[in-house]
Amino acid sequence: MASLVTEIPAASPADAAVHFARKLSLETDCWDVHASLKSGSPDFVLLDVRGPAAFAQGHVPGALNLPHGKITERRMMEWPEGTLFVVYCAGPHCNGADRAALRLARIGRPVKLMIGGVTGWIDEGFALDSGS
């Protein structure tokens, strides 16, 4: 009798490679964002898409506050075409980053979601900045 793990067969290695490559094209994690920011020359713009009060209480150092509801084509013209945006919100219990990513994609901007959000950042042991 198959276990709950194996009762549905694993994907072929080729299908798995396509799946995980696609997933990584849409997501990044807190560790990779931290390493990029620490390098001093990140090749993306980090957006905290929560409200200003939550941002002021604590945010990833170097992040800009742009609530997901305020992401518009006009607002994003501040950055050159092709700029990669990495978005995050409070954490896995919040869909603000998904909403922001959808808005950015719909206006033609490259975007990745930082999985884990603030919760993931703290879980990794990284410090937050506070203030506006």
C-alpha atoms as a PDB file:
ATOM      1  CA  MET A   1       0.000   0.000   0.000  1.00  0.00           C
ATOM      2  CA  ALA A   2       1.347   3.428  -0.957  1.00  0.00           C
ATOM      3  CA  SER A   3       1.935   6.078   1.688  1.00  0.00           C
ATOM      4  CA  LEU A   4       0.249   9.462   1.555  1.00  0.00           C
ATOM      5  CA  VAL A   5       3.526  10.748   0.112  1.00  0.00           C
ATOM      6  CA  THR A   6       3.684   8.291  -2.770  1.00  0.00           C
ATOM      7  CA  GLU A   7       0.022   7.612  -3.559  1.00  0.00           C
ATOM      8  CA  ILE A   8       0.278  10.417  -6.129  1.00  0.00           C
ATOM      9  CA  PRO A   9       3.416   9.750  -8.181  1.00  0.00           C
ATOM     10  CA  ALA A  10       6.152  12.367  -8.276  1.00  0.00           C
ATOM     11  CA  ALA A  11       6.467  14.461 -11.410  1.00  0.00           C
ATOM     12  CA  SER A  12       9.102  13.508 -13.921  1.00  0.00           C
ATOM     13  CA  PRO A  13      12.438  15.252 -13.377  1.00  0.00           C
ATOM     14  CA  ALA A  14      11.837  17.295 -16.542  1.00  0.00           C
ATOM     15  CA  ASP A  15       8.411  18.446 -15.320  1.00  0.00           C
ATOM     16  CA  ALA A  16       9.847  19.189 -11.882  1.00  0.00           C
ATOM     17  CA  ALA A  17      12.640  21.286 -13.407  1.00  0.00           C
ATOM     18  CA  VAL A  18      10.119  23.363 -15.381  1.00  0.00           C
ATOM     19  CA  HIS A  19       7.915  23.817 -12.325  1.00  0.00           C
ATOM     20  CA  PHE A  20      10.677  24.898  -9.954  1.00  0.00           C
ATOM     21  CA  ALA A  21      12.360  27.169 -12.505  1.00  0.00           C
ATOM     22  CA  ARG A  22       9.002  28.885 -13.064  1.00  0.00           C
ATOM     23  CA  LYS A  23       8.413  29.185  -9.331  1.00  0.00           C
ATOM     24  CA  LEU A  24      11.843  30.775  -8.800  1.00  0.00           C
ATOM     25  CA  SER A  25      11.129  33.236 -11.625  1.00  0.00           C
ATOM     26  CA  LEU A  26       8.234  34.546  -9.507  1.00  0.00           C
ATOM     27  CA  GLU A  27       9.651  34.330  -5.995  1.00  0.00           C
ATOM     28  CA  THR A  28      12.732  35.051  -3.952  1.00  0.00           C
ATOM     29  CA  ASP A  29      13.369  34.561  -0.264  1.00  0.00           C
ATOM     30  CA  CYS A  30      14.462  36.708   2.637  1.00  0.00           C
ATOM     31  CA  TRP A  31      17.983  35.263   2.693  1.00  0.00           C
ATOM     32  CA  ASP A  32      18.623  36.132  -0.962  1.00  0.00           C
ATOM     33  CA  VAL A  33      17.170  39.629  -0.551  1.00  0.00           C
ATOM     34  CA  HIS A  34      19.308  40.181   2.543  1.00  0.00           C
ATOM     35  CA  ALA A  35      22.460  39.026   0.733  1.00  0.00           C
ATOM     36  CA  SER A  36      21.717  41.300  -2.225  1.00  0.00           C
ATOM     37  CA  LEU A  37      21.052  44.305  -0.003  1.00  0.00           C
ATOM     38  CA  LYS A  38      24.191  43.586   2.025  1.00  0.00           C
ATOM     39  CA  SER A  39      26.272  43.565  -1.180  1.00  0.00           C
ATOM     40  CA  GLY A  40      25.552  47.274  -1.517  1.00  0.00           C
ATOM     41  CA  SER A  41      24.391  47.038  -5.109  1.00  0.00           C
ATOM     42  CA  PRO A  42      20.990  45.360  -5.263  1.00  0.00           C
ATOM     43  CA  ASP A  43      19.641  45.015  -8.791  1.00  0.00           C
ATOM     44  CA  PHE A  44      16.016  45.476  -7.776  1.00  0.00           C
ATOM     45  CA  VAL A  45      13.734  47.869  -5.917  1.00  0.00           C
ATOM     46  CA  LEU A  46      12.350  46.447  -2.676  1.00  0.00           C
ATOM     47  CA  LEU A  47       8.781  47.518  -1.946  1.00  0.00           C
ATOM     48  CA  ASP A  48       7.047  47.100   1.386  1.00  0.00           C
ATOM     49  CA  VAL A  49       3.424  47.133   0.259  1.00  0.00           C
ATOM     50  CA  ARG A  50       1.822  47.444   3.706  1.00  0.00           C
ATOM     51  CA  GLY A  51       0.316  50.652   5.037  1.00  0.00           C
ATOM     52  CA  PRO A  52       2.465  53.494   6.386  1.00  0.00           C
ATOM     53  CA  ALA A  53       1.755  52.684  10.059  1.00  0.00           C
ATOM     54  CA  ALA A  54       2.930  49.083   9.703  1.00  0.00           C
ATOM     55  CA  PHE A  55       5.963  50.251   7.710  1.00  0.00           C
ATOM     56  CA  ALA A  56       6.896  52.753  10.455  1.00  0.00           C
ATOM     57  CA  GLN A  57       6.687  50.026  13.127  1.00  0.00           C
ATOM     58  CA  GLY A  58       9.271  47.930  11.301  1.00  0.00           C
ATOM     59  CA  HIS A  59      10.393  47.215   7.755  1.00  0.00           C
ATOM     60  CA  VAL A  60      13.231  45.608   5.847  1.00  0.00           C
ATOM     61  CA  PRO A  61      16.172  48.032   5.697  1.00  0.00           C
ATOM     62  CA  GLY A  62      16.319  49.653   2.274  1.00  0.00           C
ATOM     63  CA  ALA A  63      12.675  49.017   1.452  1.00  0.00           C
ATOM     64  CA  LEU A  64      10.439  51.749   0.105  1.00  0.00           C
ATOM     65  CA  ASN A  65       6.878  51.977   1.347  1.00  0.00           C
ATOM     66  CA  LEU A  66       4.320  51.796  -1.433  1.00  0.00           C
ATOM     67  CA  PRO A  67       1.009  50.290  -0.307  1.00  0.00           C
ATOM     68  CA  HIS A  68      -0.317  47.862  -2.897  1.00  0.00           C
ATOM     69  CA  GLY A  69      -3.434  49.984  -3.483  1.00  0.00           C
ATOM     70  CA  LYS A  70      -1.257  52.921  -4.551  1.00  0.00           C
ATOM     71  CA  ILE A  71       0.667  51.041  -7.232  1.00  0.00           C
ATOM     72  CA  THR A  72      -0.341  52.667 -10.502  1.00  0.00           C
ATOM     73  CA  GLU A  73       1.216  52.897 -13.919  1.00  0.00           C
ATOM     74  CA  ARG A  74       1.812  56.604 -13.388  1.00  0.00           C
ATOM     75  CA  ARG A  75       3.489  56.085 -10.006  1.00  0.00           C
ATOM     76  CA  MET A  76       5.760  53.378 -11.365  1.00  0.00           C
ATOM     77  CA  MET A  77       7.039  55.717 -14.074  1.00  0.00           C
ATOM     78  CA  GLU A  78       9.485  56.959 -11.405  1.00  0.00           C
ATOM     79  CA  TRP A  79      11.596  53.901 -12.281  1.00  0.00           C
ATOM     80  CA  PRO A  80      12.997  52.931 -15.684  1.00  0.00           C
ATOM     81  CA  GLU A  81      11.234  50.266 -17.723  1.00  0.00           C
ATOM     82  CA  GLY A  82      12.624  46.854 -16.911  1.00  0.00           C
ATOM     83  CA  THR A  83      13.295  47.648 -13.248  1.00  0.00           C
ATOM     84  CA  LEU A  84      12.704  44.532 -11.175  1.00  0.00           C
ATOM     85  CA  PHE A  85      10.484  45.059  -8.151  1.00  0.00           C
ATOM     86  CA  VAL A  86      10.566  42.718  -5.172  1.00  0.00           C
ATOM     87  CA  VAL A  87       7.450  43.040  -3.041  1.00  0.00           C
ATOM     88  CA  TYR A  88       6.627  41.887   0.463  1.00  0.00           C
ATOM     89  CA  CYS A  89       3.961  42.333   3.106  1.00  0.00           C
ATOM     90  CA  ALA A  90       3.454  41.105   6.668  1.00  0.00           C
ATOM     91  CA  GLY A  91       3.957  37.418   5.943  1.00  0.00           C
ATOM     92  CA  PRO A  92       2.306  34.207   4.766  1.00  0.00           C
ATOM     93  CA  HIS A  93      -0.994  35.220   6.374  1.00  0.00           C
ATOM     94  CA  CYS A  94      -1.204  38.359   4.199  1.00  0.00           C
ATOM     95  CA  ASN A  95      -1.995  38.638   0.491  1.00  0.00           C
ATOM     96  CA  GLY A  96      -0.882  42.242   0.058  1.00  0.00           C
ATOM     97  CA  ALA A  97       2.312  41.193  -1.724  1.00  0.00           C
ATOM     98  CA  ASP A  98       0.308  39.018  -4.119  1.00  0.00           C
ATOM     99  CA  ARG A  99      -1.969  41.962  -4.850  1.00  0.00           C
ATOM    100  CA  ALA A 100       1.037  44.221  -5.438  1.00  0.00           C
ATOM    101  CA  ALA A 101       2.702  41.652  -7.693  1.00  0.00           C
ATOM    102  CA  LEU A 102      -0.480  41.317  -9.728  1.00  0.00           C
ATOM    103  CA  ARG A 103      -0.775  45.095 -10.130  1.00  0.00           C
ATOM    104  CA  LEU A 104       2.848  45.380 -11.213  1.00  0.00           C
ATOM    105  CA  ALA A 105       2.556  42.519 -13.685  1.00  0.00           C
ATOM    106  CA  ARG A 106      -0.633  43.979 -15.169  1.00  0.00           C
ATOM    107  CA  ILE A 107       1.140  47.267 -15.879  1.00  0.00           C
ATOM    108  CA  GLY A 108       4.039  45.459 -17.490  1.00  0.00           C
ATOM    109  CA  ARG A 109       6.602  45.603 -14.699  1.00  0.00           C
ATOM    110  CA  PRO A 110       8.890  42.699 -13.750  1.00  0.00           C
ATOM    111  CA  VAL A 111       8.157  41.511 -10.229  1.00  0.00           C
ATOM    112  CA  LYS A 112       9.094  38.875  -7.694  1.00  0.00           C
ATOM    113  CA  LEU A 113       7.492  38.170  -4.356  1.00  0.00           C
ATOM    114  CA  MET A 114       9.716  37.900  -1.277  1.00  0.00           C
ATOM    115  CA  ILE A 115       8.221  34.834   0.355  1.00  0.00           C
ATOM    116  CA  GLY A 116       7.767  35.053   4.102  1.00  0.00           C
ATOM    117  CA  GLY A 117       7.457  38.836   4.222  1.00  0.00           C
ATOM    118  CA  VAL A 118       8.274  40.535   7.515  1.00  0.00           C
ATOM    119  CA  THR A 119       7.574  37.294   9.404  1.00  0.00           C
ATOM    120  CA  GLY A 120      10.116  35.423   7.290  1.00  0.00           C
ATOM    121  CA  TRP A 121      12.645  38.245   7.642  1.00  0.00           C
ATOM    122  CA  ILE A 122      12.411  38.083  11.441  1.00  0.00           C
ATOM    123  CA  ASP A 123      12.461  34.262  11.392  1.00  0.00           C
ATOM    124  CA  GLU A 124      15.804  34.429   9.549  1.00  0.00           C
ATOM    125  CA  GLY A 125      17.178  36.581  12.391  1.00  0.00           C
ATOM    126  CA  PHE A 126      17.432  39.761  10.341  1.00  0.00           C
ATOM    127  CA  ALA A 127      16.768  43.155  11.931  1.00  0.00           C
ATOM    128  CA  LEU A 128      14.049  45.577  10.913  1.00  0.00           C
ATOM    129  CA  ASP A 129      14.346  49.337  10.616  1.00  0.00           C
ATOM    130  CA  SER A 130      11.682  51.527  12.112  1.00  0.00           C
ATOM    131  CA  GLY A 131      10.380  54.969  11.234  1.00  0.00           C
ATOM    132  CA  SER A 132       9.234  56.394   7.934  1.00  0.00           C
END
